[in-house]
Amino acid sequence: MDSSTTIIFTVGTILVTGLVIWAINRSSGQNKILRDKIFNSAFPNEWEAILEKNFKLYRKLPDELRLRLNSYVNVFMAEKSFEACGGLEELTEEMCVTIAGQACLLLLNGRCGFYDALRTVLIYPDMYSGKSSINDDGTVGGGGTRLGESWGSGTVILSWVHTLRGPAIASDGKNVVLHEFAHQLDQKDGSADGAPLLGFTDEHRDWAKSFEAAYERHGERYRRGKKLVIDAYGATNPAEFFAVSTETFFEKPKKLKERYPKVYGHLKSFYSMDPLSW
């Protein structure tokens, strides 16, 4: 290949690369415009009625947070797909909105995107069976009957019965939707390790130290048969401790702050919310 051919080839490569980048940026810009339009669109009255009925925390939210949650639900409903599994006879709008409302509660800090890696939510009628395993990212997958799972590959799996049961008792610290979508946030940086977006802001500099100490204390209390504030499942590994702590933060905030004040403080900062004030 002579020098002139090399120059032509190089220029051609640059032009093609430039066109690809232009196309991607143009598409990205168009997607943002569409997303902003959806985000700011009116929230259907039927959806609000569904959340009022199925999501008790929604009723307690201050007006500003509720309106912001509605906007995130608009985007979630437009961008994510839902699939019925395991003999679920009918996939309803109520199911999708109920899941979206709970999931989007974790996004109201405005710094975690829109679960951009998530593509599909699989819904089973009740608990389902799965093979026992520890995923590469540290989350627990499968193992007898399951209530839900979060996959870093773009899928969340949920039991519809437990999707309803979690928010129905809004003070027991158990909510499978909050749990699995906390994993989605944790997986955003590549692995679920109990430190979502660690270092994203200065206030999380001592996140690892605080959570590690609380995790060890929680595990010790569990092994000794002591009364727990955070569900025992949180003793599995740091990723599960973060997910269960998120459930507890929203459903048992007073008890979490009393037992693990630093954990509460970090979650309050991370989610930019204080459930104790509602």
Protein backbone atom coordinates (compact mmCIF):
# COMPACT_ATOMS: atom_id res chain seq x y z
CA MET A 1 0.00 0.00 0.00
CA ASP A 2 1.59 3.33 -1.07
CA SER A 3 1.41 6.57 0.94
CA SER A 4 -1.46 8.06 -1.08
CA THR A 5 -3.59 4.95 -0.54
CA THR A 6 -2.77 5.05 3.16
CA ILE A 7 -3.88 8.68 3.39
CA ILE A 8 -7.13 7.97 1.55
CA PHE A 9 -7.80 4.96 3.80
CA THR A 10 -7.08 7.00 6.94
CA VAL A 11 -9.29 9.88 5.84
CA GLY A 12 -12.06 7.44 4.98
CA THR A 13 -11.82 5.80 8.37
CA ILE A 14 -11.99 9.17 10.09
CA LEU A 15 -15.04 10.18 8.06
CA VAL A 16 -16.87 6.93 8.83
CA THR A 17 -16.01 7.21 12.51
CA GLY A 18 -17.15 10.80 12.52
CA LEU A 19 -20.46 9.88 10.90
CA VAL A 20 -21.02 7.11 13.45
CA ILE A 21 -20.32 9.47 16.36
CA TRP A 22 -22.59 12.12 14.80
CA ALA A 23 -25.38 9.57 14.39
CA ILE A 24 -25.00 8.39 17.99
CA ASN A 25 -24.98 11.93 19.36
CA ARG A 26 -27.96 12.88 17.21
CA SER A 27 -29.88 9.83 18.39
CA SER A 28 -28.91 10.54 21.99
CA GLY A 29 -30.07 14.12 21.66
CA GLN A 30 -33.39 13.04 20.17
CA ASN A 31 -33.84 10.46 22.93
CA LYS A 32 -33.24 13.10 25.59
CA ILE A 33 -35.79 15.43 24.01
CA LEU A 34 -38.34 12.61 23.93
CA ARG A 35 -37.53 11.56 27.50
CA ASP A 36 -37.87 15.14 28.74
CA LYS A 37 -41.25 15.41 27.02
CA ILE A 38 -42.44 12.18 28.66
CA PHE A 39 -40.99 13.24 32.03
CA ASN A 40 -42.94 16.49 31.96
CA SER A 41 -46.20 15.04 30.61
CA ALA A 42 -49.38 14.84 32.66
CA PHE A 43 -49.67 11.92 35.05
CA PRO A 44 -52.76 9.78 34.35
CA ASN A 45 -55.40 9.88 37.07
CA GLU A 46 -55.77 6.11 36.80
CA TRP A 47 -52.10 5.62 37.63
CA GLU A 48 -52.34 7.91 40.63
CA ALA A 49 -55.31 5.91 41.90
CA ILE A 50 -53.30 2.67 41.52
CA LEU A 51 -50.41 4.05 43.55
CA GLU A 52 -52.76 5.45 46.19
CA LYS A 53 -54.23 1.99 46.58
CA ASN A 54 -51.16 -0.23 46.34
CA PHE A 55 -48.25 1.86 47.62
CA LYS A 56 -48.78 3.27 51.12
CA LEU A 57 -45.56 5.28 51.10
CA TYR A 58 -46.86 7.15 48.06
CA ARG A 59 -49.64 8.60 50.21
CA LYS A 60 -47.10 9.90 52.74
CA LEU A 61 -44.79 11.62 50.28
CA PRO A 62 -44.62 15.43 50.38
CA ASP A 63 -46.25 16.98 47.32
CA GLU A 64 -42.92 17.93 45.72
CA LEU A 65 -41.61 14.36 45.93
CA ARG A 66 -44.87 12.88 44.79
CA LEU A 67 -44.94 15.02 41.65
CA ARG A 68 -41.32 14.14 40.94
CA LEU A 69 -42.08 10.45 41.42
CA ASN A 70 -44.95 10.73 38.95
CA SER A 71 -42.55 12.09 36.32
CA TYR A 72 -40.11 9.22 36.80
CA VAL A 73 -42.97 6.72 36.56
CA ASN A 74 -43.96 8.28 33.23
CA VAL A 75 -40.49 7.54 31.85
CA PHE A 76 -40.26 4.07 33.40
CA MET A 77 -43.57 3.05 31.88
CA ALA A 78 -42.52 4.36 28.46
CA GLU A 79 -39.04 2.86 28.35
CA LYS A 80 -39.19 -0.49 30.15
CA SER A 81 -40.90 -3.65 28.99
CA PHE A 82 -42.88 -6.00 31.23
CA GLU A 83 -43.37 -9.71 30.65
CA ALA A 84 -45.68 -12.25 32.31
CA CYS A 85 -43.96 -15.46 33.43
CA GLY A 86 -44.65 -18.69 35.25
CA GLY A 87 -48.31 -19.00 34.41
CA LEU A 88 -49.28 -15.40 35.12
CA GLU A 89 -52.52 -15.28 33.16
CA GLU A 90 -52.73 -11.56 32.54
CA LEU A 91 -50.25 -8.69 32.64
CA THR A 92 -52.17 -5.61 33.72
CA GLU A 93 -51.50 -1.90 33.81
CA GLU A 94 -51.98 -2.04 37.58
CA MET A 95 -49.04 -4.45 37.90
CA CYS A 96 -46.75 -2.29 35.81
CA VAL A 97 -47.63 0.98 37.54
CA THR A 98 -47.37 -0.56 41.01
CA ILE A 99 -43.86 -1.80 40.25
CA ALA A 100 -42.80 1.43 38.54
CA GLY A 101 -43.98 3.57 41.46
CA GLN A 102 -41.96 1.67 44.02
CA ALA A 103 -38.88 1.36 41.81
CA CYS A 104 -38.80 5.06 40.96
CA LEU A 105 -38.84 6.11 44.61
CA LEU A 106 -35.11 5.32 44.62
CA LEU A 107 -34.42 7.73 41.74
CA LEU A 108 -35.75 10.94 43.27
CA ASN A 109 -32.28 12.23 44.13
CA GLY A 110 -31.98 12.98 40.41
CA ARG A 111 -28.43 11.60 40.23
CA CYS A 112 -29.00 7.94 39.37
CA GLY A 113 -30.48 8.19 35.90
CA PHE A 114 -33.51 6.14 34.91
CA TYR A 115 -32.25 2.59 35.46
CA ASP A 116 -30.67 3.01 32.05
CA ALA A 117 -29.27 -0.54 31.90
CA LEU A 118 -32.64 -2.09 32.71
CA ARG A 119 -34.69 -3.35 29.80
CA THR A 120 -37.21 -5.87 31.14
CA VAL A 121 -39.20 -6.64 34.27
CA LEU A 122 -40.35 -10.26 34.48
CA ILE A 123 -43.41 -10.85 36.67
CA TYR A 124 -44.34 -14.19 38.21
CA PRO A 125 -47.72 -14.70 39.90
CA ASP A 126 -46.06 -15.81 43.17
CA MET A 127 -42.76 -17.22 44.38
CA TYR A 128 -40.80 -19.09 41.73
CA SER A 129 -38.03 -21.68 41.71
CA GLY A 130 -34.45 -21.03 40.80
CA LYS A 131 -31.07 -22.72 41.02
CA SER A 132 -28.93 -21.74 43.99
CA SER A 133 -25.96 -19.54 43.08
CA ILE A 134 -23.94 -16.50 44.05
CA ASN A 135 -23.69 -14.15 41.10
CA ASP A 136 -20.35 -12.69 40.03
CA ASP A 137 -21.44 -9.31 41.33
CA GLY A 138 -22.11 -10.67 44.83
CA THR A 139 -25.89 -10.83 44.74
CA VAL A 140 -27.70 -14.05 45.57
CA GLY A 141 -29.44 -15.75 42.65
CA GLY A 142 -31.83 -18.66 42.75
CA GLY A 143 -31.98 -21.15 45.56
CA GLY A 144 -35.33 -22.81 46.19
CA THR A 145 -38.25 -20.43 45.98
CA ARG A 146 -37.54 -16.81 45.14
CA LEU A 147 -39.40 -13.53 45.63
CA GLY A 148 -37.29 -11.54 43.21
CA GLU A 149 -33.92 -11.10 41.54
CA SER A 150 -31.89 -8.32 39.94
CA TRP A 151 -29.57 -9.09 37.05
CA GLY A 152 -26.85 -6.74 35.92
CA SER A 153 -27.63 -7.77 32.35
CA GLY A 154 -30.80 -5.67 32.27
CA THR A 155 -33.53 -7.73 33.95
CA VAL A 156 -35.44 -7.62 37.22
CA ILE A 157 -37.68 -10.52 38.28
CA LEU A 158 -40.52 -10.07 40.76
CA SER A 159 -43.30 -12.05 42.39
CA TRP A 160 -46.57 -10.15 41.96
CA VAL A 161 -47.98 -11.44 45.27
CA HIS A 162 -44.97 -10.05 47.12
CA THR A 163 -44.87 -6.88 45.03
CA LEU A 164 -48.26 -6.12 46.59
CA ARG A 165 -47.48 -7.52 50.04
CA GLY A 166 -44.35 -5.41 50.55
CA PRO A 167 -45.93 -1.94 50.46
CA ALA A 168 -49.18 -3.15 52.08
CA ILE A 169 -47.30 -3.43 55.39
CA ALA A 170 -45.19 -0.29 55.18
CA SER A 171 -43.51 -0.66 58.58
CA ASP A 172 -42.01 -4.17 58.52
CA GLY A 173 -38.86 -3.34 56.55
CA LYS A 174 -39.70 -5.79 53.79
CA ASN A 175 -40.32 -4.63 50.23
CA VAL A 176 -39.10 -6.83 47.39
CA VAL A 177 -39.33 -4.08 44.76
CA LEU A 178 -37.21 -1.64 46.76
CA HIS A 179 -34.78 -4.48 47.47
CA GLU A 180 -34.25 -5.56 43.86
CA PHE A 181 -34.07 -2.05 42.49
CA ALA A 182 -31.55 -1.10 45.17
CA HIS A 183 -29.46 -3.87 43.59
CA GLN A 184 -29.94 -2.19 40.22
CA LEU A 185 -28.43 1.00 41.61
CA ASP A 186 -25.62 -0.98 43.19
CA GLN A 187 -24.94 -2.75 39.89
CA LYS A 188 -24.76 0.54 38.00
CA ASP A 189 -20.99 0.82 38.50
CA GLY A 190 -20.39 -2.75 37.30
CA SER A 191 -20.77 -4.92 40.39
CA ALA A 192 -23.06 -5.18 43.38
CA ASP A 193 -20.78 -4.66 46.36
CA GLY A 194 -22.94 -2.65 48.72
CA ALA A 195 -21.38 0.63 47.60
CA PRO A 196 -23.55 2.18 44.87
CA LEU A 197 -21.81 5.03 43.08
CA LEU A 198 -19.13 5.08 45.75
CA GLY A 199 -17.14 8.30 45.43
CA PHE A 200 -19.90 9.90 43.35
CA THR A 201 -20.05 12.72 45.86
CA ASP A 202 -17.77 13.85 48.66
CA GLU A 203 -20.23 12.94 51.41
CA HIS A 204 -19.76 9.23 50.64
CA ARG A 205 -16.05 9.16 51.37
CA ASP A 206 -16.54 7.10 54.52
CA TRP A 207 -19.44 5.02 53.12
CA ALA A 208 -17.40 1.80 53.00
CA LYS A 209 -16.15 2.18 56.57
CA SER A 210 -19.61 2.92 57.98
CA PHE A 211 -21.37 0.16 56.07
CA GLU A 212 -18.69 -2.42 56.78
CA ALA A 213 -18.91 -1.75 60.53
CA ALA A 214 -22.71 -1.95 60.45
CA TYR A 215 -22.63 -5.10 58.33
CA GLU A 216 -20.28 -6.81 60.77
CA ARG A 217 -22.39 -5.73 63.74
CA HIS A 218 -25.56 -6.92 62.05
CA GLY A 219 -24.00 -10.30 61.25
CA GLU A 220 -22.81 -10.72 64.82
CA ARG A 221 -26.27 -9.95 66.21
CA TYR A 222 -27.77 -12.44 63.78
CA ARG A 223 -25.33 -15.20 64.76
CA ARG A 224 -26.02 -14.58 68.43
CA GLY A 225 -29.78 -14.70 67.94
CA LYS A 226 -30.29 -11.07 68.96
CA LYS A 227 -33.27 -8.97 67.91
CA LEU A 228 -32.63 -7.41 64.49
CA VAL A 229 -33.69 -4.08 63.00
CA ILE A 230 -32.50 -5.03 59.52
CA ASP A 231 -33.76 -8.33 58.11
CA ALA A 232 -31.50 -11.35 58.66
CA TYR A 233 -30.99 -11.70 54.91
CA GLY A 234 -28.80 -8.63 55.10
CA ALA A 235 -26.13 -10.76 56.78
CA THR A 236 -25.58 -12.67 53.51
CA ASN A 237 -23.04 -10.24 52.03
CA PRO A 238 -22.47 -6.46 51.69
CA ALA A 239 -24.62 -6.24 48.54
CA GLU A 240 -27.61 -7.78 50.33
CA PHE A 241 -26.94 -5.62 53.39
CA PHE A 242 -27.26 -2.48 51.28
CA ALA A 243 -30.47 -3.70 49.62
CA VAL A 244 -32.08 -4.71 52.93
CA SER A 245 -30.90 -1.47 54.56
CA THR A 246 -32.71 0.41 51.79
CA GLU A 247 -35.94 -1.43 52.61
CA THR A 248 -35.47 -0.61 56.29
CA PHE A 249 -34.62 3.03 55.57
CA PHE A 250 -37.97 3.64 53.90
CA GLU A 251 -40.14 1.40 56.08
CA LYS A 252 -38.51 1.52 59.55
CA PRO A 253 -36.56 4.78 59.49
CA LYS A 254 -36.74 5.52 63.22
CA LYS A 255 -35.42 2.11 64.24
CA LEU A 256 -32.69 2.17 61.59
CA LYS A 257 -31.49 5.60 62.75
CA GLU A 258 -31.43 4.47 66.37
CA ARG A 259 -29.48 1.26 65.70
CA TYR A 260 -27.25 2.36 62.78
CA PRO A 261 -27.18 6.20 62.71
CA LYS A 262 -24.29 6.40 60.23
CA VAL A 263 -26.03 4.05 57.80
CA TYR A 264 -29.18 6.11 58.08
CA GLY A 265 -27.21 9.29 57.46
CA HIS A 266 -25.55 7.90 54.35
CA LEU A 267 -28.84 6.62 52.91
CA LYS A 268 -30.53 9.93 53.69
CA SER A 269 -27.78 11.70 51.76
CA PHE A 270 -27.67 9.16 48.93
CA TYR A 271 -31.44 9.13 48.31
CA SER A 272 -31.81 12.84 49.16
CA MET A 273 -34.81 12.03 51.33
CA ASP A 274 -35.63 11.78 55.01
CA PRO A 275 -38.54 9.37 55.63
CA LEU A 276 -38.61 10.45 59.29
CA SER A 277 -39.95 13.82 58.15
CA TRP A 278 -42.98 12.40 56.36
